[in-house]
Every structure is written in C-alpha cells, then in structure tokens.
PDB file of N, CA and C in Angstrom:
ATOM      1  N   MET A   1      34.986 -49.200  -6.181  1.00  0.00           N
ATOM      2  CA  MET A   1      34.882 -47.769  -6.599  1.00  0.00           C
ATOM      3  C   MET A   1      35.301 -46.801  -5.434  1.00  0.00           C
ATOM      4  N   THR A   2      36.292 -46.206  -5.740  1.00  0.00           N
ATOM      5  CA  THR A   2      36.687 -45.215  -4.526  1.00  0.00           C
ATOM      6  C   THR A   2      36.077 -44.128  -4.586  1.00  0.00           C
ATOM      7  N   PRO A   3      35.891 -43.367  -3.613  1.00  0.00           N
ATOM      8  CA  PRO A   3      35.070 -42.128  -3.077  1.00  0.00           C
ATOM      9  C   PRO A   3      35.535 -40.952  -4.203  1.00  0.00           C
ATOM     10  N   LEU A   4      36.759 -41.260  -4.790  1.00  0.00           N
ATOM     11  CA  LEU A   4      37.212 -39.858  -5.681  1.00  0.00           C
ATOM     12  C   LEU A   4      36.827 -40.178  -7.056  1.00  0.00           C
ATOM     13  N   HIS A   5      36.503 -41.633  -7.264  1.00  0.00           N
ATOM     14  CA  HIS A   5      35.542 -41.864  -8.714  1.00  0.00           C
ATOM     15  C   HIS A   5      34.174 -41.590  -8.704  1.00  0.00           C
ATOM     16  N   ARG A   6      33.739 -41.872  -7.503  1.00  0.00           N
ATOM     17  CA  ARG A   6      32.167 -41.537  -7.299  1.00  0.00           C
ATOM     18  C   ARG A   6      31.987 -39.930  -7.164  1.00  0.00           C
ATOM     19  N   PHE A   7      32.872 -39.435  -6.700  1.00  0.00           N
ATOM     20  CA  PHE A   7      32.931 -37.712  -6.963  1.00  0.00           C
ATOM     21  C   PHE A   7      32.954 -37.390  -8.199  1.00  0.00           C
ATOM     22  N   LYS A   8      33.988 -37.868  -9.019  1.00  0.00           N
ATOM     23  CA  LYS A   8      33.978 -37.506 -10.484  1.00  0.00           C
ATOM     24  C   LYS A   8      32.798 -37.896 -11.318  1.00  0.00           C
ATOM     25  N   ASP A   9      32.250 -39.140 -10.767  1.00  0.00           N
ATOM     26  CA  ASP A   9      31.030 -39.521 -11.787  1.00  0.00           C
ATOM     27  C   ASP A   9      29.878 -38.606 -11.572  1.00  0.00           C
ATOM     28  N   MET A  10      29.696 -38.402 -10.130  1.00  0.00           N
ATOM     29  CA  MET A  10      28.665 -37.369  -9.827  1.00  0.00           C
ATOM     30  C   MET A  10      29.023 -35.819 -10.408  1.00  0.00           C
ATOM     31  N   TYR A  11      30.291 -35.385 -10.462  1.00  0.00           N
ATOM     32  CA  TYR A  11      30.533 -34.142 -10.986  1.00  0.00           C
ATOM     33  C   TYR A  11      30.355 -34.097 -12.644  1.00  0.00           C
ATOM     34  N   ASN A  12      30.590 -35.309 -13.303  1.00  0.00           N
ATOM     35  CA  ASN A  12      30.380 -35.475 -14.734  1.00  0.00           C
ATOM     36  C   ASN A  12      28.778 -35.446 -15.220  1.00  0.00           C
ATOM     37  N   LYS A  13      27.892 -35.705 -14.098  1.00  0.00           N
ATOM     38  CA  LYS A  13      26.593 -35.788 -14.290  1.00  0.00           C
ATOM     39  C   LYS A  13      25.910 -34.428 -14.286  1.00  0.00           C
ATOM     40  N   VAL A  14      26.499 -33.718 -13.577  1.00  0.00           N
ATOM     41  CA  VAL A  14      25.905 -32.065 -13.443  1.00  0.00           C
ATOM     42  C   VAL A  14      26.221 -31.344 -14.760  1.00  0.00           C
ATOM     43  N   PRO A  15      25.259 -30.590 -15.290  1.00  0.00           N
ATOM     44  CA  PRO A  15      25.212 -29.828 -16.383  1.00  0.00           C
ATOM     45  C   PRO A  15      26.396 -28.875 -16.495  1.00  0.00           C
ATOM     46  N   GLY A  16      26.749 -28.618 -17.561  1.00  0.00           N
ATOM     47  CA  GLY A  16      28.141 -27.753 -17.830  1.00  0.00           C
ATOM     48  C   GLY A  16      27.997 -26.459 -17.298  1.00  0.00           C
ATOM     49  N   PRO A  17      26.915 -25.646 -17.565  1.00  0.00           N
ATOM     50  CA  PRO A  17      26.985 -24.350 -16.632  1.00  0.00           C
ATOM     51  C   PRO A  17      26.946 -24.367 -15.068  1.00  0.00           C
ATOM     52  N   LEU A  18      26.450 -25.521 -14.872  1.00  0.00           N
ATOM     53  CA  LEU A  18      26.455 -25.540 -13.254  1.00  0.00           C
ATOM     54  C   LEU A  18      27.841 -25.918 -12.587  1.00  0.00           C
ATOM     55  N   ARG A  19      28.859 -26.532 -13.516  1.00  0.00           N
ATOM     56  CA  ARG A  19      30.133 -26.770 -12.839  1.00  0.00           C
ATOM     57  C   ARG A  19      31.179 -25.849 -12.862  1.00  0.00           C
ATOM     58  N   SER A  20      31.080 -24.677 -13.210  1.00  0.00           N
ATOM     59  CA  SER A  20      31.856 -23.491 -13.520  1.00  0.00           C
ATOM     60  C   SER A  20      31.837 -23.049 -12.038  1.00  0.00           C
ATOM     61  N   ARG A  21      33.168 -22.815 -11.423  1.00  0.00           N
ATOM     62  CA  ARG A  21      33.094 -22.087 -10.181  1.00  0.00           C
ATOM     63  C   ARG A  21      32.512 -20.730  -9.970  1.00  0.00           C
ATOM     64  N   TYR A  22      32.518 -19.909 -11.204  1.00  0.00           N
ATOM     65  CA  TYR A  22      31.950 -18.664 -11.090  1.00  0.00           C
ATOM     66  C   TYR A  22      30.613 -18.718 -11.295  1.00  0.00           C
ATOM     67  N   ALA A  23      29.880 -19.697 -11.903  1.00  0.00           N
ATOM     68  CA  ALA A  23      28.676 -19.879 -11.773  1.00  0.00           C
ATOM     69  C   ALA A  23      28.083 -20.313 -10.320  1.00  0.00           C
ATOM     70  N   LEU A  24      28.732 -21.048  -9.891  1.00  0.00           N
ATOM     71  CA  LEU A  24      28.500 -21.552  -8.344  1.00  0.00           C
ATOM     72  C   LEU A  24      28.562 -20.162  -7.593  1.00  0.00           C
ATOM     73  N   VAL A  25      29.463 -19.517  -7.765  1.00  0.00           N
ATOM     74  CA  VAL A  25      29.439 -18.072  -6.809  1.00  0.00           C
ATOM     75  C   VAL A  25      28.235 -17.240  -7.221  1.00  0.00           C
ATOM     76  N   VAL A  26      27.802 -17.231  -8.354  1.00  0.00           N
ATOM     77  CA  VAL A  26      26.641 -16.181  -8.833  1.00  0.00           C
ATOM     78  C   VAL A  26      25.419 -16.989  -8.115  1.00  0.00           C
ATOM     79  N   TYR A  27      25.196 -18.179  -8.294  1.00  0.00           N
ATOM     80  CA  TYR A  27      24.259 -18.929  -7.705  1.00  0.00           C
ATOM     81  C   TYR A  27      24.077 -18.770  -6.373  1.00  0.00           C
ATOM     82  N   ALA A  28      25.246 -19.048  -5.594  1.00  0.00           N
ATOM     83  CA  ALA A  28      25.322 -18.696  -4.089  1.00  0.00           C
ATOM     84  C   ALA A  28      24.971 -17.250  -3.792  1.00  0.00           C
ATOM     85  N   PHE A  29      25.486 -16.335  -4.589  1.00  0.00           N
ATOM     86  CA  PHE A  29      25.225 -14.832  -4.365  1.00  0.00           C
ATOM     87  C   PHE A  29      23.450 -14.557  -4.305  1.00  0.00           C
ATOM     88  N   LEU A  30      23.133 -15.356  -5.588  1.00  0.00           N
ATOM     89  CA  LEU A  30      21.544 -15.089  -5.759  1.00  0.00           C
ATOM     90  C   LEU A  30      20.763 -15.629  -4.605  1.00  0.00           C
ATOM     91  N   ILE A  31      21.089 -16.754  -4.332  1.00  0.00           N
ATOM     92  CA  ILE A  31      20.466 -17.600  -3.197  1.00  0.00           C
ATOM     93  C   ILE A  31      20.481 -16.779  -1.849  1.00  0.00           C
ATOM     94  N   TRP A  32      21.726 -16.175  -1.604  1.00  0.00           N
ATOM     95  CA  TRP A  32      21.878 -15.387  -0.297  1.00  0.00           C
ATOM     96  C   TRP A  32      21.165 -14.067  -0.418  1.00  0.00           C
ATOM     97  N   MET A  33      20.965 -13.423  -1.627  1.00  0.00           N
ATOM     98  CA  MET A  33      20.178 -12.119  -1.729  1.00  0.00           C
ATOM     99  C   MET A  33      18.695 -12.398  -1.810  1.00  0.00           C
ATOM    100  N   LEU A  34      18.247 -13.664  -2.165  1.00  0.00           N
ATOM    101  CA  LEU A  34      16.891 -13.756  -2.204  1.00  0.00           C
ATOM    102  C   LEU A  34      16.436 -14.407  -0.914  1.00  0.00           C
ATOM    103  N   PHE A  35      17.273 -15.071  -0.179  1.00  0.00           N
ATOM    104  CA  PHE A  35      16.613 -15.585   0.972  1.00  0.00           C
ATOM    105  C   PHE A  35      17.133 -15.268   2.450  1.00  0.00           C
ATOM    106  N   PHE A  36      18.549 -14.983   2.522  1.00  0.00           N
ATOM    107  CA  PHE A  36      19.146 -14.638   3.676  1.00  0.00           C
ATOM    108  C   PHE A  36      19.488 -13.084   3.855  1.00  0.00           C
ATOM    109  N   ASP A  37      19.613 -12.329   3.043  1.00  0.00           N
ATOM    110  CA  ASP A  37      19.706 -10.859   3.217  1.00  0.00           C
ATOM    111  C   ASP A  37      18.662 -10.155   4.018  1.00  0.00           C
ATOM    112  N   ALA A  38      19.301  -8.993   4.514  1.00  0.00           N
ATOM    113  CA  ALA A  38      18.245  -8.167   5.403  1.00  0.00           C
ATOM    114  C   ALA A  38      16.950  -7.659   4.541  1.00  0.00           C
ATOM    115  N   PHE A  39      17.393  -7.379   3.244  1.00  0.00           N
ATOM    116  CA  PHE A  39      16.545  -6.974   2.406  1.00  0.00           C
ATOM    117  C   PHE A  39      16.246  -8.192   1.213  1.00  0.00           C
ATOM    118  N   ASN A  40      15.649  -9.016   1.757  1.00  0.00           N
ATOM    119  CA  ASN A  40      15.418 -10.430   0.953  1.00  0.00           C
ATOM    120  C   ASN A  40      14.311 -10.206   0.031  1.00  0.00           C
ATOM    121  N   ALA A  41      13.876 -11.136  -0.686  1.00  0.00           N
ATOM    122  CA  ALA A  41      12.767 -10.892  -1.688  1.00  0.00           C
ATOM    123  C   ALA A  41      11.399 -11.011  -0.895  1.00  0.00           C
ATOM    124  N   VAL A  42      11.111 -11.782   0.104  1.00  0.00           N
ATOM    125  CA  VAL A  42       9.902 -11.644   0.919  1.00  0.00           C
ATOM    126  C   VAL A  42       9.779 -10.191   1.724  1.00  0.00           C
ATOM    127  N   TYR A  43      10.641  -9.532   2.280  1.00  0.00           N
ATOM    128  CA  TYR A  43      10.630  -8.288   2.768  1.00  0.00           C
ATOM    129  C   TYR A  43      10.448  -7.263   1.736  1.00  0.00           C
ATOM    130  N   ARG A  44      11.066  -7.410   0.439  1.00  0.00           N
ATOM    131  CA  ARG A  44      10.720  -6.384  -0.533  1.00  0.00           C
ATOM    132  C   ARG A  44       9.334  -6.542  -1.103  1.00  0.00           C
ATOM    133  N   TRP A  45       8.924  -7.770  -1.037  1.00  0.00           N
ATOM    134  CA  TRP A  45       7.460  -7.888  -1.549  1.00  0.00           C
ATOM    135  C   TRP A  45       6.426  -7.390  -0.538  1.00  0.00           C
ATOM    136  N   GLN A  46       6.858  -7.317   0.684  1.00  0.00           N
ATOM    137  CA  GLN A  46       5.932  -6.719   1.939  1.00  0.00           C
ATOM    138  C   GLN A  46       6.023  -5.305   1.778  1.00  0.00           C
ATOM    139  N   ILE A  47       6.947  -4.850   1.472  1.00  0.00           N
ATOM    140  CA  ILE A  47       7.295  -3.355   1.319  1.00  0.00           C
ATOM    141  C   ILE A  47       6.719  -2.711   0.327  1.00  0.00           C
ATOM    142  N   PHE A  48       6.570  -3.394  -0.997  1.00  0.00           N
ATOM    143  CA  PHE A  48       6.057  -2.895  -2.111  1.00  0.00           C
ATOM    144  C   PHE A  48       4.521  -2.980  -1.757  1.00  0.00           C
ATOM    145  N   SER A  49       3.915  -4.240  -1.318  1.00  0.00           N
ATOM    146  CA  SER A  49       2.429  -4.074  -1.027  1.00  0.00           C
ATOM    147  C   SER A  49       2.236  -3.275  -0.091  1.00  0.00           C
ATOM    148  N   GLU A  50       2.973  -2.814   0.685  1.00  0.00           N
ATOM    149  CA  GLU A  50       2.405  -1.545   1.498  1.00  0.00           C
ATOM    150  C   GLU A  50       2.497  -0.365   0.950  1.00  0.00           C
ATOM    151  N   LEU A  51       3.459  -0.216   0.059  1.00  0.00           N
ATOM    152  CA  LEU A  51       3.613   1.041  -0.864  1.00  0.00           C
ATOM    153  C   LEU A  51       2.346   1.298  -1.842  1.00  0.00           C
ATOM    154  N   ARG A  52       1.971  -0.082  -2.227  1.00  0.00           N
ATOM    155  CA  ARG A  52       0.781   0.128  -3.195  1.00  0.00           C
ATOM    156  C   ARG A  52      -0.511   0.280  -2.408  1.00  0.00           C
ATOM    157  N   ASP A  53      -0.778  -0.123  -1.204  1.00  0.00           N
ATOM    158  CA  ASP A  53      -1.813   0.342  -0.321  1.00  0.00           C
ATOM    159  C   ASP A  53      -1.650   1.773   0.181  1.00  0.00           C
ATOM    160  N   ALA A  54      -0.631   2.310   0.214  1.00  0.00           N
ATOM    161  CA  ALA A  54      -0.278   3.770   0.682  1.00  0.00           C
ATOM    162  C   ALA A  54      -0.885   4.569  -0.404  1.00  0.00           C
ATOM    163  N   ARG A  55      -0.547   4.089  -1.779  1.00  0.00           N
ATOM    164  CA  ARG A  55      -0.765   4.995  -2.853  1.00  0.00           C
ATOM    165  C   ARG A  55      -2.280   4.867  -3.049  1.00  0.00           C
ATOM    166  N   GLN A  56      -2.760   3.854  -2.807  1.00  0.00           N
ATOM    167  CA  GLN A  56      -4.375   3.799  -2.942  1.00  0.00           C
ATOM    168  C   GLN A  56      -4.978   4.659  -2.047  1.00  0.00           C
ATOM    169  N   GLN A  57      -4.592   4.562  -0.832  1.00  0.00           N
ATOM    170  CA  GLN A  57      -5.094   5.419   0.331  1.00  0.00           C
ATOM    171  C   GLN A  57      -4.854   6.805  -0.224  1.00  0.00           C
ATOM    172  N   GLN A  58      -3.681   7.282  -0.714  1.00  0.00           N
ATOM    173  CA  GLN A  58      -3.525   8.551  -1.100  1.00  0.00           C
ATOM    174  C   GLN A  58      -4.398   8.885  -2.226  1.00  0.00           C
ATOM    175  N   ALA A  59      -4.829   8.120  -3.083  1.00  0.00           N
ATOM    176  CA  ALA A  59      -5.663   8.590  -4.090  1.00  0.00           C
ATOM    177  C   ALA A  59      -7.035   8.768  -3.717  1.00  0.00           C
ATOM    178  N   TYR A  60      -7.523   7.883  -2.887  1.00  0.00           N
ATOM    179  CA  TYR A  60      -8.591   8.016  -2.066  1.00  0.00           C
ATOM    180  C   TYR A  60      -8.805   9.412  -1.378  1.00  0.00           C
ATOM    181  N   TYR A  61      -7.940   9.795  -0.630  1.00  0.00           N
ATOM    182  CA  TYR A  61      -8.093  10.829   0.133  1.00  0.00           C
ATOM    183  C   TYR A  61      -7.885  12.286  -0.704  1.00  0.00           C
ATOM    184  N   GLU A  62      -7.163  11.986  -1.794  1.00  0.00           N
ATOM    185  CA  GLU A  62      -7.176  13.112  -2.827  1.00  0.00           C
ATOM    186  C   GLU A  62      -8.525  13.493  -3.470  1.00  0.00           C
ATOM    187  N   GLU A  63      -9.219  12.294  -3.690  1.00  0.00           N
ATOM    188  CA  GLU A  63     -10.610  12.280  -4.034  1.00  0.00           C
ATOM    189  C   GLU A  63     -11.571  13.040  -3.110  1.00  0.00           C
ATOM    190  N   GLU A  64     -11.311  12.416  -1.758  1.00  0.00           N
ATOM    191  CA  GLU A  64     -12.212  13.035  -0.951  1.00  0.00           C
ATOM    192  C   GLU A  64     -11.936  14.454  -0.549  1.00  0.00           C
ATOM    193  N   THR A  65     -10.812  15.038  -0.439  1.00  0.00           N
ATOM    194  CA  THR A  65     -10.364  16.310  -0.451  1.00  0.00           C
ATOM    195  C   THR A  65     -11.075  17.160  -1.508  1.00  0.00           C
ATOM    196  N   ALA A  66     -10.941  16.628  -2.891  1.00  0.00           N
ATOM    197  CA  ALA A  66     -11.487  17.429  -3.863  1.00  0.00           C
ATOM    198  C   ALA A  66     -12.930  17.530  -3.630  1.00  0.00           C
ATOM    199  N   LEU A  67     -13.779  16.590  -3.089  1.00  0.00           N
ATOM    200  CA  LEU A  67     -15.193  16.583  -3.043  1.00  0.00           C
ATOM    201  C   LEU A  67     -15.384  17.603  -1.853  1.00  0.00           C
ATOM    202  N   ILE A  68     -14.705  17.545  -0.847  1.00  0.00           N
ATOM    203  CA  ILE A  68     -15.101  18.476   0.562  1.00  0.00           C
ATOM    204  C   ILE A  68     -14.510  20.148  -0.083  1.00  0.00           C
ATOM    205  N   ARG A  69     -13.547  20.163  -0.894  1.00  0.00           N
ATOM    206  CA  ARG A  69     -13.493  21.579  -1.470  1.00  0.00           C
ATOM    207  C   ARG A  69     -14.488  22.015  -2.032  1.00  0.00           C
ATOM    208  N   ALA A  70     -15.045  21.190  -3.089  1.00  0.00           N
ATOM    209  CA  ALA A  70     -16.096  21.379  -3.859  1.00  0.00           C
ATOM    210  C   ALA A  70     -17.415  21.829  -2.928  1.00  0.00           C
ATOM    211  N   ASP A  71     -17.766  21.195  -1.887  1.00  0.00           N
ATOM    212  CA  ASP A  71     -18.619  21.502  -1.055  1.00  0.00           C
ATOM    213  C   ASP A  71     -18.459  22.671  -0.439  1.00  0.00           C
ATOM    214  N   LEU A  72     -17.348  22.864   0.008  1.00  0.00           N
ATOM    215  CA  LEU A  72     -16.938  24.136   0.656  1.00  0.00           C
ATOM    216  C   LEU A  72     -17.201  25.557  -0.178  1.00  0.00           C
ATOM    217  N   GLU A  73     -16.629  25.245  -1.402  1.00  0.00           N
ATOM    218  CA  GLU A  73     -16.928  26.346  -2.191  1.00  0.00           C
ATOM    219  C   GLU A  73     -18.479  26.529  -2.512  1.00  0.00           C
ATOM    220  N   GLU A  74     -19.074  25.578  -2.707  1.00  0.00           N
ATOM    221  CA  GLU A  74     -20.611  25.594  -2.850  1.00  0.00           C
ATOM    222  C   GLU A  74     -21.392  26.436  -1.505  1.00  0.00           C
ATOM    223  N   LEU A  75     -20.823  26.090  -0.562  1.00  0.00           N
ATOM    224  CA  LEU A  75     -21.160  26.406   0.852  1.00  0.00           C
ATOM    225  C   LEU A  75     -21.053  28.015   0.976  1.00  0.00           C
ATOM    226  N   PHE A  76     -19.763  28.411   0.492  1.00  0.00           N
ATOM    227  CA  PHE A  76     -19.661  29.882   0.699  1.00  0.00           C
ATOM    228  C   PHE A  76     -20.021  30.790  -0.336  1.00  0.00           C
ATOM    229  N   THR A  77     -20.485  30.343  -1.399  1.00  0.00           N
ATOM    230  CA  THR A  77     -21.057  31.024  -2.612  1.00  0.00           C
ATOM    231  C   THR A  77     -22.528  31.135  -2.545  1.00  0.00           C
ATOM    232  N   ASP A  78     -23.090  30.117  -1.974  1.00  0.00           N
ATOM    233  CA  ASP A  78     -24.508  30.167  -2.013  1.00  0.00           C
ATOM    234  C   ASP A  78     -25.108  30.517  -0.773  1.00  0.00           C
ATOM    235  N   GLY A  79     -26.142  31.496  -0.651  1.00  0.00           N
ATOM    236  CA  GLY A  79     -26.516  31.733   0.728  1.00  0.00           C
ATOM    237  C   GLY A  79     -27.404  30.506   1.196  1.00  0.00           C
ATOM    238  N   ALA A  80     -28.275  30.018   0.478  1.00  0.00           N
ATOM    239  CA  ALA A  80     -29.257  29.125   0.770  1.00  0.00           C
ATOM    240  C   ALA A  80     -28.766  27.754   1.278  1.00  0.00           C
ATOM    241  N   THR A  81     -27.429  27.670   0.542  1.00  0.00           N
ATOM    242  CA  THR A  81     -26.806  26.232   1.058  1.00  0.00           C
ATOM    243  C   THR A  81     -26.155  26.604   2.355  1.00  0.00           C
ATOM    244  N   LEU A  82     -25.768  27.685   2.494  1.00  0.00           N
ATOM    245  CA  LEU A  82     -25.201  27.966   3.957  1.00  0.00           C
ATOM    246  C   LEU A  82     -26.111  28.068   4.980  1.00  0.00           C
ATOM    247  N   GLU A  83     -27.128  28.432   4.761  1.00  0.00           N
ATOM    248  CA  GLU A  83     -28.494  28.614   5.775  1.00  0.00           C
ATOM    249  C   GLU A  83     -28.731  27.216   6.109  1.00  0.00           C
ATOM    250  N   LYS A  84     -28.984  26.353   5.087  1.00  0.00           N
ATOM    251  CA  LYS A  84     -29.243  24.820   5.121  1.00  0.00           C
ATOM    252  C   LYS A  84     -28.222  24.080   6.015  1.00  0.00           C
ATOM    253  N   PHE A  85     -27.100  24.343   5.965  1.00  0.00           N
ATOM    254  CA  PHE A  85     -26.048  23.776   6.356  1.00  0.00           C
ATOM    255  C   PHE A  85     -25.996  24.046   8.019  1.00  0.00           C
ATOM    256  N   ALA A  86     -26.194  25.500   8.218  1.00  0.00           N
ATOM    257  CA  ALA A  86     -26.232  26.030   9.609  1.00  0.00           C
ATOM    258  C   ALA A  86     -27.372  25.302  10.254  1.00  0.00           C
ATOM    259  N   ARG A  87     -28.484  25.168   9.760  1.00  0.00           N
ATOM    260  CA  ARG A  87     -29.786  24.804  10.427  1.00  0.00           C
ATOM    261  C   ARG A  87     -29.650  23.294  10.852  1.00  0.00           C
ATOM    262  N   GLU A  88     -29.013  22.465   9.822  1.00  0.00           N
ATOM    263  CA  GLU A  88     -29.075  21.060   9.958  1.00  0.00           C
ATOM    264  C   GLU A  88     -27.906  20.494  10.806  1.00  0.00           C
ATOM    265  N   LYS A  89     -26.564  21.206  10.716  1.00  0.00           N
ATOM    266  CA  LYS A  89     -25.547  20.928  11.476  1.00  0.00           C
ATOM    267  C   LYS A  89     -25.644  21.424  12.831  1.00  0.00           C
ATOM    268  N   TYR A  90     -25.537  22.765  12.872  1.00  0.00           N
ATOM    269  CA  TYR A  90     -25.506  23.451  14.299  1.00  0.00           C
ATOM    270  C   TYR A  90     -26.749  23.742  14.910  1.00  0.00           C
ATOM    271  N   PHE A  91     -28.024  23.612  14.390  1.00  0.00           N
ATOM    272  CA  PHE A  91     -29.296  23.934  14.805  1.00  0.00           C
ATOM    273  C   PHE A  91     -29.418  25.392  15.067  1.00  0.00           C
ATOM    274  N   MET A  92     -29.060  25.961  14.296  1.00  0.00           N
ATOM    275  CA  MET A  92     -29.312  27.460  14.307  1.00  0.00           C
ATOM    276  C   MET A  92     -30.729  27.939  13.726  1.00  0.00           C
ATOM    277  N   LYS A  93     -31.081  29.019  14.260  1.00  0.00           N
ATOM    278  CA  LYS A  93     -32.654  29.277  13.877  1.00  0.00           C
ATOM    279  C   LYS A  93     -32.746  30.892  13.754  1.00  0.00           C
ATOM    280  N   LYS A  94     -33.834  31.341  13.071  1.00  0.00           N
ATOM    281  CA  LYS A  94     -33.839  32.768  12.973  1.00  0.00           C
ATOM    282  C   LYS A  94     -34.450  33.256  14.281  1.00  0.00           C
ATOM    283  N   PRO A  95     -34.422  34.441  14.459  1.00  0.00           N
ATOM    284  CA  PRO A  95     -34.850  34.826  15.770  1.00  0.00           C
ATOM    285  C   PRO A  95     -36.412  34.652  16.174  1.00  0.00           C
ATOM    286  N   ASP A  96     -37.134  34.495  15.182  1.00  0.00           N
ATOM    287  CA  ASP A  96     -38.800  34.398  15.381  1.00  0.00           C
ATOM    288  C   ASP A  96     -39.139  32.982  15.307  1.00  0.00           C
ATOM    289  N   GLU A  97     -38.306  32.161  15.347  1.00  0.00           N
ATOM    290  CA  GLU A  97     -38.602  30.702  15.160  1.00  0.00           C
ATOM    291  C   GLU A  97     -38.431  30.028  16.305  1.00  0.00           C
ATOM    292  N   ASP A  98     -39.148  28.893  16.519  1.00  0.00           N
ATOM    293  CA  ASP A  98     -38.873  27.994  17.637  1.00  0.00           C
ATOM    294  C   ASP A  98     -38.061  26.514  17.129  1.00  0.00           C
ATOM    295  N   LEU A  99     -37.250  26.012  17.764  1.00  0.00           N
ATOM    296  CA  LEU A  99     -36.518  24.839  17.217  1.00  0.00           C
ATOM    297  C   LEU A  99     -36.906  23.767  18.296  1.00  0.00           C
ATOM    298  N   PHE A 100     -37.221  22.646  17.598  1.00  0.00           N
ATOM    299  CA  PHE A 100     -37.532  21.473  18.281  1.00  0.00           C
ATOM    300  C   PHE A 100     -36.604  20.343  17.922  1.00  0.00           C
ATOM    301  N   VAL A 101     -35.518  19.812  18.861  1.00  0.00           N
ATOM    302  CA  VAL A 101     -34.699  18.799  18.599  1.00  0.00           C
ATOM    303  C   VAL A 101     -35.401  17.646  18.952  1.00  0.00           C
ATOM    304  N   ILE A 102     -35.611  16.443  18.067  1.00  0.00           N
ATOM    305  CA  ILE A 102     -36.044  15.056  18.511  1.00  0.00           C
ATOM    306  C   ILE A 102     -35.067  14.119  18.583  1.00  0.00           C
ATOM    307  N   ILE A 103     -34.733  13.697  19.741  1.00  0.00           N
ATOM    308  CA  ILE A 103     -33.822  12.657  19.704  1.00  0.00           C
ATOM    309  C   ILE A 103     -34.233  11.084  19.700  1.00  0.00           C
ATOM    310  N   GLU A 104     -33.925  10.357  18.941  1.00  0.00           N
ATOM    311  CA  GLU A 104     -34.486   9.033  18.899  1.00  0.00           C
ATOM    312  C   GLU A 104     -33.667   8.178  19.628  1.00  0.00           C
ATOM    313  N   GLU A 105     -34.266   7.296  20.421  1.00  0.00           N
ATOM    314  CA  GLU A 105     -33.631   6.388  21.159  1.00  0.00           C
ATOM    315  C   GLU A 105     -33.511   4.863  20.769  1.00  0.00           C
TER     316      GLU A 105
END
C-alpha cells in the first residue's frame, strides 16, 4: 500500500463534518482563541473571578457604610449616645469628675 492510499484511508475514516476545510479552519480558530490568544479562556476565567470577588467586596463595604451612617445619625441626634461615645472613645469627663484609665497588660 502506498502512502497516498494510506492517507486516503485515514481521510475516509474521519467523520464528514471534520473533513471540510471550512470546519477545519473554524476548529483551528476556536482552539487558537481558547488556548493561545492573549485573552484566552484561562485568562478570562481569572478576570471574571476577580470581578466576582470585587463585587462581593463592594456589597460588603456598602453594607458597612450603611451601618456606620446609621450609627453616625444616632450619634448626632441623641445626646446620651454622644456622651457615651465621647466617654468611651476619647476618655472625656465632666469638670467635677475624676477619670481613671486602667491598662491591662
């Protein structure tokens, strides 16, 4: 059997849609785009996962901002809350009080 006959036998064993040169060009293009291009499938997957993480962080920080704004609103509308905050955070006191700060080691 000559090499040409072997090639023809192999060619006839390939399914019909794969034998078309147009199909071969499309398959080659898809393989190139999926694996060898600068924006291949792996790179796109990494970018999409980073985008998903960034959106989750954005949602978290928006919730935190809403909580802090609510605390701030409460702080400026209620005098007792403002006094409690000033005493706890900045160790402020009334003029006739003594303040003792205990530092645990």
